[in-house]
């Protein structure tokens, strides 16, 4: 994976981030989701480099081989605000004070927070397969509670760690090397078998139901929205439309300049349909 990419650990203050990067041209930050690492982009990043972008693929704090911050009572060490701050400092350290940001799954919440908290840094925003946390919780019904029960289970103390540690491969049984790619799958398995990484990933969800929701609700009360051009992409074989009808309608109050389109794929589009994803990103980012 990532042939020709640098692979480094960079100090961003509270933690050190594992990051892979390559290319010249317009900088693009790719932010993964749960339970993946930056390696989820291994089929996308080289294509973007070939199309003239400077591509940066970190493991978010807590995930993969990046550092884990000490757990705080309100879980804010894993808040999207904290993660976004890491990524702004990372991009500055790599010489990119302004950059496009692409976030998938939990990474889309980080990308949103990055654009809201650091509008001077984000030139364009792409959010994939998610709506803002506060919007999802405001619309939570029996279908969401059934299909996304893990949001609420992961927020409980101690028991999720014990359940996952008992058999990580069984808990994350949907991940297949033939779909993900063998090296990407090995990196994923290394992450889910690391107890510190599992706990940090759960802290992501604990922050989501608390401080992250509070931050988003404060944004709405203040009338804040993303100022840069924003693209929402959703996978046709995911459940965005089943849950929300028109997901663009959910996103519209959050972005002044919003557009969107579906991509034929299951949830992990960067692994399942990288070619169409790259084409959509190229159209929007150019």
C-alpha atoms as a PDB file:
ATOM      1  CA  UNK A   1       0.000   0.000   0.000  1.00  0.00           C
ATOM      2  CA  UNK A   2       0.913   3.677  -0.466  1.00  0.00           C
ATOM      3  CA  UNK A   3       3.916   3.091  -2.706  1.00  0.00           C
ATOM      4  CA  UNK A   4       5.935   6.295  -2.915  1.00  0.00           C
ATOM      5  CA  UNK A   5       4.265   7.828   0.162  1.00  0.00           C
ATOM      6  CA  UNK A   6       6.181   9.076   3.183  1.00  0.00           C
ATOM      7  CA  UNK A   7       5.128   7.315   6.403  1.00  0.00           C
ATOM      8  CA  UNK A   8       5.932   9.367   9.506  1.00  0.00           C
ATOM      9  CA  UNK A   9       4.929  10.135  13.082  1.00  0.00           C
ATOM     10  CA  UNK A  10       4.421  13.866  13.615  1.00  0.00           C
ATOM     11  CA  UNK A  11       4.020  15.613  16.963  1.00  0.00           C
ATOM     12  CA  UNK A  12       0.921  17.842  16.956  1.00  0.00           C
ATOM     13  CA  UNK A  13       1.007  18.778  20.637  1.00  0.00           C
ATOM     14  CA  UNK A  14      -0.939  16.408  22.842  1.00  0.00           C
ATOM     15  CA  UNK A  15      -0.320  13.356  20.637  1.00  0.00           C
ATOM     16  CA  UNK A  16       1.818  12.111  17.778  1.00  0.00           C
ATOM     17  CA  UNK A  17      -0.036  11.190  14.597  1.00  0.00           C
ATOM     18  CA  UNK A  18       0.896   8.455  12.181  1.00  0.00           C
ATOM     19  CA  UNK A  19       0.550   9.979   8.692  1.00  0.00           C
ATOM     20  CA  UNK A  20       1.200   8.931   5.105  1.00  0.00           C
ATOM     21  CA  UNK A  21       1.519  11.613   2.451  1.00  0.00           C
ATOM     22  CA  UNK A  22       2.680  12.181  -1.119  1.00  0.00           C
ATOM     23  CA  UNK A  23       2.187  14.383  -4.142  1.00  0.00           C
ATOM     24  CA  UNK A  24       2.409  17.970  -5.288  1.00  0.00           C
ATOM     25  CA  UNK A  25      -0.364  20.452  -5.936  1.00  0.00           C
ATOM     26  CA  UNK A  26      -3.568  21.275  -4.114  1.00  0.00           C
ATOM     27  CA  UNK A  27      -3.453  19.667  -0.638  1.00  0.00           C
ATOM     28  CA  UNK A  28      -6.209  17.237   0.325  1.00  0.00           C
ATOM     29  CA  UNK A  29      -6.655  15.776   3.811  1.00  0.00           C
ATOM     30  CA  UNK A  30      -8.419  12.373   3.909  1.00  0.00           C
ATOM     31  CA  UNK A  31     -10.011  11.530   7.284  1.00  0.00           C
ATOM     32  CA  UNK A  32     -11.085   7.927   7.922  1.00  0.00           C
ATOM     33  CA  UNK A  33     -13.936   6.587  10.047  1.00  0.00           C
ATOM     34  CA  UNK A  34     -14.521   3.802  12.565  1.00  0.00           C
ATOM     35  CA  UNK A  35     -13.004   1.252  12.892  1.00  0.00           C
ATOM     36  CA  UNK A  36     -10.628   1.968  10.035  1.00  0.00           C
ATOM     37  CA  UNK A  37      -7.260   3.708   9.921  1.00  0.00           C
ATOM     38  CA  UNK A  38      -5.740   5.965   7.304  1.00  0.00           C
ATOM     39  CA  UNK A  39      -5.046   2.847   5.251  1.00  0.00           C
ATOM     40  CA  UNK A  40      -8.723   2.738   4.206  1.00  0.00           C
ATOM     41  CA  UNK A  41      -7.737   5.299   1.532  1.00  0.00           C
ATOM     42  CA  UNK A  42      -5.062   3.078  -0.022  1.00  0.00           C
ATOM     43  CA  UNK A  43      -6.960   2.741  -3.319  1.00  0.00           C
ATOM     44  CA  UNK A  44      -7.979   6.424  -3.429  1.00  0.00           C
ATOM     45  CA  UNK A  45      -4.885   8.340  -2.322  1.00  0.00           C
ATOM     46  CA  UNK A  46      -2.519   7.191  -5.118  1.00  0.00           C
ATOM     47  CA  UNK A  47      -5.119   8.055  -7.761  1.00  0.00           C
ATOM     48  CA  UNK A  48      -5.486  11.549  -6.328  1.00  0.00           C
ATOM     49  CA  UNK A  49      -1.700  11.969  -6.362  1.00  0.00           C
ATOM     50  CA  UNK A  50      -1.702  10.907 -10.016  1.00  0.00           C
ATOM     51  CA  UNK A  51      -4.333  13.599 -10.682  1.00  0.00           C
ATOM     52  CA  UNK A  52      -2.118  16.304  -9.254  1.00  0.00           C
ATOM     53  CA  UNK A  53      -3.042  16.543  -5.577  1.00  0.00           C
ATOM     54  CA  UNK A  54      -0.874  16.543  -2.468  1.00  0.00           C
ATOM     55  CA  UNK A  55      -2.602  13.884  -0.374  1.00  0.00           C
ATOM     56  CA  UNK A  56      -2.376  13.443   3.411  1.00  0.00           C
ATOM     57  CA  UNK A  57      -3.779  10.323   5.120  1.00  0.00           C
ATOM     58  CA  UNK A  58      -3.429  10.365   8.927  1.00  0.00           C
ATOM     59  CA  UNK A  59      -4.650   7.975  11.554  1.00  0.00           C
ATOM     60  CA  UNK A  60      -6.837  10.177  13.755  1.00  0.00           C
ATOM     61  CA  UNK A  61      -5.801  10.538  17.383  1.00  0.00           C
ATOM     62  CA  UNK A  62      -6.763   7.376  19.234  1.00  0.00           C
ATOM     63  CA  UNK A  63      -7.052   5.325  16.052  1.00  0.00           C
ATOM     64  CA  UNK A  64      -4.553   3.023  14.397  1.00  0.00           C
ATOM     65  CA  UNK A  65      -0.953   3.824  15.227  1.00  0.00           C
ATOM     66  CA  UNK A  66      -1.561   7.417  16.344  1.00  0.00           C
ATOM     67  CA  UNK A  67      -1.202   8.507  19.961  1.00  0.00           C
ATOM     68  CA  UNK A  68      -3.881   8.083  22.609  1.00  0.00           C
ATOM     69  CA  UNK A  69      -4.668  11.032  24.868  1.00  0.00           C
ATOM     70  CA  UNK A  70      -5.451  10.482  28.571  1.00  0.00           C
ATOM     71  CA  UNK A  71      -9.173   9.913  29.110  1.00  0.00           C
ATOM     72  CA  UNK A  72     -11.049  12.855  30.642  1.00  0.00           C
ATOM     73  CA  UNK A  73     -14.316  12.619  32.603  1.00  0.00           C
ATOM     74  CA  UNK A  74     -16.285  14.332  29.809  1.00  0.00           C
ATOM     75  CA  UNK A  75     -14.437  12.374  27.065  1.00  0.00           C
ATOM     76  CA  UNK A  76     -13.415  15.649  25.420  1.00  0.00           C
ATOM     77  CA  UNK A  77      -9.915  14.316  24.750  1.00  0.00           C
ATOM     78  CA  UNK A  78     -11.527  12.444  21.844  1.00  0.00           C
ATOM     79  CA  UNK A  79     -13.932  15.211  20.821  1.00  0.00           C
ATOM     80  CA  UNK A  80     -14.144  16.168  17.182  1.00  0.00           C
ATOM     81  CA  UNK A  81     -12.846  19.600  18.223  1.00  0.00           C
ATOM     82  CA  UNK A  82      -9.696  18.044  19.689  1.00  0.00           C
ATOM     83  CA  UNK A  83      -9.166  15.814  16.647  1.00  0.00           C
ATOM     84  CA  UNK A  84      -9.744  18.729  14.267  1.00  0.00           C
ATOM     85  CA  UNK A  85      -7.146  20.753  16.142  1.00  0.00           C
ATOM     86  CA  UNK A  86      -4.641  17.928  15.691  1.00  0.00           C
ATOM     87  CA  UNK A  87      -5.256  17.875  11.956  1.00  0.00           C
ATOM     88  CA  UNK A  88      -4.880  21.632  11.484  1.00  0.00           C
ATOM     89  CA  UNK A  89      -1.519  21.452  13.239  1.00  0.00           C
ATOM     90  CA  UNK A  90      -0.545  18.380  11.208  1.00  0.00           C
ATOM     91  CA  UNK A  91      -1.304  20.089   7.903  1.00  0.00           C
ATOM     92  CA  UNK A  92       0.575  23.221   8.984  1.00  0.00           C
ATOM     93  CA  UNK A  93       3.590  21.073   9.891  1.00  0.00           C
ATOM     94  CA  UNK A  94       3.475  19.593   6.378  1.00  0.00           C
ATOM     95  CA  UNK A  95       3.391  23.064   4.829  1.00  0.00           C
ATOM     96  CA  UNK A  96      -0.358  23.213   4.105  1.00  0.00           C
ATOM     97  CA  UNK A  97      -2.008  26.083   6.001  1.00  0.00           C
ATOM     98  CA  UNK A  98      -5.084  25.813   3.730  1.00  0.00           C
ATOM     99  CA  UNK A  99      -6.410  22.558   2.305  1.00  0.00           C
ATOM    100  CA  UNK A 100      -9.435  20.587   1.155  1.00  0.00           C
ATOM    101  CA  UNK A 101     -10.844  18.133   3.685  1.00  0.00           C
ATOM    102  CA  UNK A 102     -12.591  14.826   2.983  1.00  0.00           C
ATOM    103  CA  UNK A 103     -14.146  12.891   5.870  1.00  0.00           C
ATOM    104  CA  UNK A 104     -15.954   9.550   5.921  1.00  0.00           C
ATOM    105  CA  UNK A 105     -18.157   8.084   8.678  1.00  0.00           C
ATOM    106  CA  UNK A 106     -16.786   9.329  12.048  1.00  0.00           C
ATOM    107  CA  UNK A 107     -14.272  11.270   9.991  1.00  0.00           C
ATOM    108  CA  UNK A 108     -17.073  13.319   8.449  1.00  0.00           C
ATOM    109  CA  UNK A 109     -17.869  14.711  11.911  1.00  0.00           C
ATOM    110  CA  UNK A 110     -14.230  15.680  12.320  1.00  0.00           C
ATOM    111  CA  UNK A 111     -14.227  17.258   8.850  1.00  0.00           C
ATOM    112  CA  UNK A 112     -17.348  19.267   9.703  1.00  0.00           C
ATOM    113  CA  UNK A 113     -15.834  20.448  12.986  1.00  0.00           C
ATOM    114  CA  UNK A 114     -12.611  21.358  11.178  1.00  0.00           C
ATOM    115  CA  UNK A 115     -14.514  23.534   8.681  1.00  0.00           C
ATOM    116  CA  UNK A 116     -16.578  25.218  11.416  1.00  0.00           C
ATOM    117  CA  UNK A 117     -13.730  25.827  13.866  1.00  0.00           C
ATOM    118  CA  UNK A 118     -11.016  26.646  11.309  1.00  0.00           C
ATOM    119  CA  UNK A 119     -12.754  28.252   8.314  1.00  0.00           C
ATOM    120  CA  UNK A 120      -9.553  29.933   7.145  1.00  0.00           C
ATOM    121  CA  UNK A 121      -7.856  26.546   6.848  1.00  0.00           C
ATOM    122  CA  UNK A 122     -10.477  24.588   4.888  1.00  0.00           C
ATOM    123  CA  UNK A 123     -10.853  25.486   1.209  1.00  0.00           C
ATOM    124  CA  UNK A 124     -13.395  22.794   0.316  1.00  0.00           C
ATOM    125  CA  UNK A 125     -15.248  20.210   2.389  1.00  0.00           C
ATOM    126  CA  UNK A 126     -16.420  16.712   1.455  1.00  0.00           C
ATOM    127  CA  UNK A 127     -18.528  14.756   3.951  1.00  0.00           C
ATOM    128  CA  UNK A 128     -19.445  11.134   3.285  1.00  0.00           C
ATOM    129  CA  UNK A 129     -22.024   8.702   4.692  1.00  0.00           C
ATOM    130  CA  UNK A 130     -23.109  10.637   7.760  1.00  0.00           C
ATOM    131  CA  UNK A 131     -25.158  13.602   8.932  1.00  0.00           C
ATOM    132  CA  UNK A 132     -24.182  15.861  11.843  1.00  0.00           C
ATOM    133  CA  UNK A 133     -24.335  14.017  15.158  1.00  0.00           C
ATOM    134  CA  UNK A 134     -26.924  16.382  16.602  1.00  0.00           C
ATOM    135  CA  UNK A 135     -29.149  15.884  13.555  1.00  0.00           C
ATOM    136  CA  UNK A 136     -28.924  12.086  13.819  1.00  0.00           C
ATOM    137  CA  UNK A 137     -29.797  12.185  17.520  1.00  0.00           C
ATOM    138  CA  UNK A 138     -32.666  14.633  16.987  1.00  0.00           C
ATOM    139  CA  UNK A 139     -34.171  12.222  14.443  1.00  0.00           C
ATOM    140  CA  UNK A 140     -33.458   9.052  16.391  1.00  0.00           C
ATOM    141  CA  UNK A 141     -36.369   6.604  16.176  1.00  0.00           C
ATOM    142  CA  UNK A 142     -36.853   2.863  16.592  1.00  0.00           C
ATOM    143  CA  UNK A 143     -35.190   2.143  13.230  1.00  0.00           C
ATOM    144  CA  UNK A 144     -32.090   4.156  14.129  1.00  0.00           C
ATOM    145  CA  UNK A 145     -31.953   2.609  17.605  1.00  0.00           C
ATOM    146  CA  UNK A 146     -32.135  -0.885  16.097  1.00  0.00           C
ATOM    147  CA  UNK A 147     -29.662  -0.395  13.245  1.00  0.00           C
ATOM    148  CA  UNK A 148     -27.278   1.995  15.042  1.00  0.00           C
ATOM    149  CA  UNK A 149     -27.554   0.568  18.556  1.00  0.00           C
ATOM    150  CA  UNK A 150     -23.778   0.607  18.842  1.00  0.00           C
ATOM    151  CA  UNK A 151     -23.836   4.411  19.233  1.00  0.00           C
ATOM    152  CA  UNK A 152     -25.557   3.920  22.578  1.00  0.00           C
ATOM    153  CA  UNK A 153     -23.824   0.702  23.600  1.00  0.00           C
ATOM    154  CA  UNK A 154     -20.375   2.185  22.931  1.00  0.00           C
ATOM    155  CA  UNK A 155     -21.256   5.124  25.181  1.00  0.00           C
ATOM    156  CA  UNK A 156     -21.633   2.852  28.213  1.00  0.00           C
ATOM    157  CA  UNK A 157     -18.679   2.494  30.595  1.00  0.00           C
ATOM    158  CA  UNK A 158     -16.405  -0.568  30.501  1.00  0.00           C
ATOM    159  CA  UNK A 159     -18.780  -3.144  28.994  1.00  0.00           C
ATOM    160  CA  UNK A 160     -18.074  -2.321  25.333  1.00  0.00           C
ATOM    161  CA  UNK A 161     -14.321  -2.719  25.863  1.00  0.00           C
ATOM    162  CA  UNK A 162     -14.886  -6.118  27.465  1.00  0.00           C
ATOM    163  CA  UNK A 163     -17.283  -7.257  24.750  1.00  0.00           C
ATOM    164  CA  UNK A 164     -14.937  -6.315  21.904  1.00  0.00           C
ATOM    165  CA  UNK A 165     -11.800  -7.631  23.632  1.00  0.00           C
ATOM    166  CA  UNK A 166     -13.434 -11.031  24.072  1.00  0.00           C
ATOM    167  CA  UNK A 167     -13.312 -11.578  20.289  1.00  0.00           C
ATOM    168  CA  UNK A 168     -12.409  -8.523  18.167  1.00  0.00           C
ATOM    169  CA  UNK A 169     -12.620 -10.445  14.894  1.00  0.00           C
ATOM    170  CA  UNK A 170     -16.136 -11.614  15.682  1.00  0.00           C
ATOM    171  CA  UNK A 171     -17.234  -8.113  16.728  1.00  0.00           C
ATOM    172  CA  UNK A 172     -15.956  -6.633  13.453  1.00  0.00           C
ATOM    173  CA  UNK A 173     -16.817  -9.675  11.373  1.00  0.00           C
ATOM    174  CA  UNK A 174     -17.931  -7.709   8.309  1.00  0.00           C
ATOM    175  CA  UNK A 175     -14.371  -6.734   7.387  1.00  0.00           C
ATOM    176  CA  UNK A 176     -13.002  -8.987   4.637  1.00  0.00           C
ATOM    177  CA  UNK A 177      -9.468  -8.959   3.185  1.00  0.00           C
ATOM    178  CA  UNK A 178     -10.791  -9.658  -0.303  1.00  0.00           C
ATOM    179  CA  UNK A 179     -12.799  -6.416  -0.149  1.00  0.00           C
ATOM    180  CA  UNK A 180     -10.434  -4.270   1.882  1.00  0.00           C
ATOM    181  CA  UNK A 181      -7.153  -5.484   0.405  1.00  0.00           C
ATOM    182  CA  UNK A 182      -4.826  -7.758   2.349  1.00  0.00           C
ATOM    183  CA  UNK A 183      -2.480  -5.108   3.782  1.00  0.00           C
ATOM    184  CA  UNK A 184      -5.326  -2.766   4.711  1.00  0.00           C
ATOM    185  CA  UNK A 185      -7.071  -5.661   6.435  1.00  0.00           C
ATOM    186  CA  UNK A 186      -3.929  -6.570   8.389  1.00  0.00           C
ATOM    187  CA  UNK A 187      -3.599  -2.978   9.595  1.00  0.00           C
ATOM    188  CA  UNK A 188      -7.273  -2.922  10.575  1.00  0.00           C
ATOM    189  CA  UNK A 189      -6.889  -6.178  12.553  1.00  0.00           C
ATOM    190  CA  UNK A 190      -3.820  -4.834  14.338  1.00  0.00           C
ATOM    191  CA  UNK A 191      -5.916  -1.841  15.435  1.00  0.00           C
ATOM    192  CA  UNK A 192      -8.934  -3.768  16.695  1.00  0.00           C
ATOM    193  CA  UNK A 193      -6.693  -6.147  18.673  1.00  0.00           C
ATOM    194  CA  UNK A 194      -5.028  -3.242  20.504  1.00  0.00           C
ATOM    195  CA  UNK A 195      -6.902  -2.508  23.737  1.00  0.00           C
ATOM    196  CA  UNK A 196      -5.790   1.127  23.874  1.00  0.00           C
ATOM    197  CA  UNK A 197      -7.022   1.723  20.331  1.00  0.00           C
ATOM    198  CA  UNK A 198     -10.356   0.059  21.051  1.00  0.00           C
ATOM    199  CA  UNK A 199     -10.868   2.213  24.109  1.00  0.00           C
ATOM    200  CA  UNK A 200     -10.020   5.383  22.171  1.00  0.00           C
ATOM    201  CA  UNK A 201     -12.447   4.433  19.403  1.00  0.00           C
ATOM    202  CA  UNK A 202     -15.166   3.977  22.007  1.00  0.00           C
ATOM    203  CA  UNK A 203     -14.254   7.338  23.503  1.00  0.00           C
ATOM    204  CA  UNK A 204     -15.042   8.808  20.077  1.00  0.00           C
ATOM    205  CA  UNK A 205     -18.652   7.663  20.535  1.00  0.00           C
ATOM    206  CA  UNK A 206     -18.801   8.771  24.159  1.00  0.00           C
ATOM    207  CA  UNK A 207     -17.711  12.229  23.112  1.00  0.00           C
ATOM    208  CA  UNK A 208     -20.258  12.107  20.319  1.00  0.00           C
ATOM    209  CA  UNK A 209     -23.248  11.790  22.629  1.00  0.00           C
ATOM    210  CA  UNK A 210     -21.944  14.533  24.933  1.00  0.00           C
ATOM    211  CA  UNK A 211     -19.529  17.312  24.076  1.00  0.00           C
ATOM    212  CA  UNK A 212     -19.747  16.870  20.301  1.00  0.00           C
ATOM    213  CA  UNK A 213     -23.507  17.188  20.345  1.00  0.00           C
ATOM    214  CA  UNK A 214     -23.212  20.236  22.585  1.00  0.00           C
ATOM    215  CA  UNK A 215     -20.729  21.869  20.211  1.00  0.00           C
ATOM    216  CA  UNK A 216     -23.023  21.316  17.218  1.00  0.00           C
ATOM    217  CA  UNK A 217     -26.092  22.611  19.035  1.00  0.00           C
ATOM    218  CA  UNK A 218     -24.129  25.734  20.008  1.00  0.00           C
ATOM    219  CA  UNK A 219     -23.232  26.226  16.337  1.00  0.00           C
ATOM    220  CA  UNK A 220     -26.886  26.077  15.315  1.00  0.00           C
ATOM    221  CA  UNK A 221     -27.971  28.515  18.013  1.00  0.00           C
ATOM    222  CA  UNK A 222     -25.290  30.919  16.840  1.00  0.00           C
ATOM    223  CA  UNK A 223     -26.251  30.484  13.184  1.00  0.00           C
ATOM    224  CA  UNK A 224     -22.824  29.184  12.194  1.00  0.00           C
ATOM    225  CA  UNK A 225     -22.467  27.158   9.006  1.00  0.00           C
ATOM    226  CA  UNK A 226     -19.691  25.975   6.702  1.00  0.00           C
ATOM    227  CA  UNK A 227     -18.682  28.839   4.444  1.00  0.00           C
ATOM    228  CA  UNK A 228     -16.615  26.949   1.875  1.00  0.00           C
ATOM    229  CA  UNK A 229     -18.075  24.849  -0.975  1.00  0.00           C
ATOM    230  CA  UNK A 230     -19.330  21.553   0.466  1.00  0.00           C
ATOM    231  CA  UNK A 231     -20.045  18.191  -1.167  1.00  0.00           C
ATOM    232  CA  UNK A 232     -22.039  15.400   0.479  1.00  0.00           C
ATOM    233  CA  UNK A 233     -21.558  11.899  -0.951  1.00  0.00           C
ATOM    234  CA  UNK A 234     -23.605   8.931   0.165  1.00  0.00           C
ATOM    235  CA  UNK A 235     -23.358   5.229  -0.665  1.00  0.00           C
ATOM    236  CA  UNK A 236     -26.385   3.777  -2.396  1.00  0.00           C
ATOM    237  CA  UNK A 237     -26.182   0.529  -0.410  1.00  0.00           C
ATOM    238  CA  UNK A 238     -25.817   2.321   2.917  1.00  0.00           C
ATOM    239  CA  UNK A 239     -28.867   3.649   4.796  1.00  0.00           C
ATOM    240  CA  UNK A 240     -28.708   7.430   4.458  1.00  0.00           C
ATOM    241  CA  UNK A 241     -31.909   7.641   2.411  1.00  0.00           C
ATOM    242  CA  UNK A 242     -33.694   5.006   4.492  1.00  0.00           C
ATOM    243  CA  UNK A 243     -32.985   6.966   7.657  1.00  0.00           C
ATOM    244  CA  UNK A 244     -33.331  10.525   6.434  1.00  0.00           C
ATOM    245  CA  UNK A 245     -35.194  10.533   3.130  1.00  0.00           C
ATOM    246  CA  UNK A 246     -33.243  13.265   1.375  1.00  0.00           C
ATOM    247  CA  UNK A 247     -29.943  13.491   3.291  1.00  0.00           C
ATOM    248  CA  UNK A 248     -29.079  16.707   1.477  1.00  0.00           C
ATOM    249  CA  UNK A 249     -32.039  18.341   3.210  1.00  0.00           C
ATOM    250  CA  UNK A 250     -30.442  17.450   6.558  1.00  0.00           C
ATOM    251  CA  UNK A 251     -27.116  18.953   5.503  1.00  0.00           C
ATOM    252  CA  UNK A 252     -28.508  22.104   3.872  1.00  0.00           C
ATOM    253  CA  UNK A 253     -28.648  24.263   7.044  1.00  0.00           C
ATOM    254  CA  UNK A 254     -25.028  23.388   7.795  1.00  0.00           C
ATOM    255  CA  UNK A 255     -23.402  24.592   4.564  1.00  0.00           C
ATOM    256  CA  UNK A 256     -23.881  27.835   2.606  1.00  0.00           C
ATOM    257  CA  UNK A 257     -22.843  26.213  -0.680  1.00  0.00           C
ATOM    258  CA  UNK A 258     -23.955  22.569  -0.722  1.00  0.00           C
ATOM    259  CA  UNK A 259     -24.130  19.996  -3.457  1.00  0.00           C
ATOM    260  CA  UNK A 260     -24.300  16.214  -3.372  1.00  0.00           C
ATOM    261  CA  UNK A 261     -24.579  12.928  -5.196  1.00  0.00           C
ATOM    262  CA  UNK A 262     -24.872   9.210  -4.454  1.00  0.00           C
ATOM    263  CA  UNK A 263     -22.170   6.669  -5.309  1.00  0.00           C
ATOM    264  CA  UNK A 264     -22.931   3.026  -6.043  1.00  0.00           C
ATOM    265  CA  UNK A 265     -21.302   1.244  -3.097  1.00  0.00           C
ATOM    266  CA  UNK A 266     -21.671  -0.196   0.332  1.00  0.00           C
ATOM    267  CA  UNK A 267     -20.649   1.866   3.351  1.00  0.00           C
ATOM    268  CA  UNK A 268     -16.865   1.670   2.891  1.00  0.00           C
ATOM    269  CA  UNK A 269     -16.831   3.394  -0.479  1.00  0.00           C
ATOM    270  CA  UNK A 270     -13.088   4.133  -0.506  1.00  0.00           C
ATOM    271  CA  UNK A 271     -12.474   0.378  -0.466  1.00  0.00           C
ATOM    272  CA  UNK A 272     -15.491  -0.795  -2.498  1.00  0.00           C
ATOM    273  CA  UNK A 273     -15.706   1.773  -5.315  1.00  0.00           C
ATOM    274  CA  UNK A 274     -12.547   3.910  -5.269  1.00  0.00           C
ATOM    275  CA  UNK A 275     -12.697   4.794  -8.972  1.00  0.00           C
ATOM    276  CA  UNK A 276     -16.097   6.489  -8.822  1.00  0.00           C
ATOM    277  CA  UNK A 277     -15.149   8.163  -5.548  1.00  0.00           C
ATOM    278  CA  UNK A 278     -11.946   9.565  -7.045  1.00  0.00           C
ATOM    279  CA  UNK A 279     -13.895  10.831 -10.061  1.00  0.00           C
ATOM    280  CA  UNK A 280     -16.408  12.617  -7.807  1.00  0.00           C
ATOM    281  CA  UNK A 281     -13.628  14.143  -5.687  1.00  0.00           C
ATOM    282  CA  UNK A 282     -11.704  15.269  -8.745  1.00  0.00           C
ATOM    283  CA  UNK A 283     -14.747  17.006 -10.231  1.00  0.00           C
ATOM    284  CA  UNK A 284     -15.433  18.859  -6.986  1.00  0.00           C
ATOM    285  CA  UNK A 285     -11.901  19.713  -5.892  1.00  0.00           C
ATOM    286  CA  UNK A 286     -10.749  21.121  -9.244  1.00  0.00           C
END
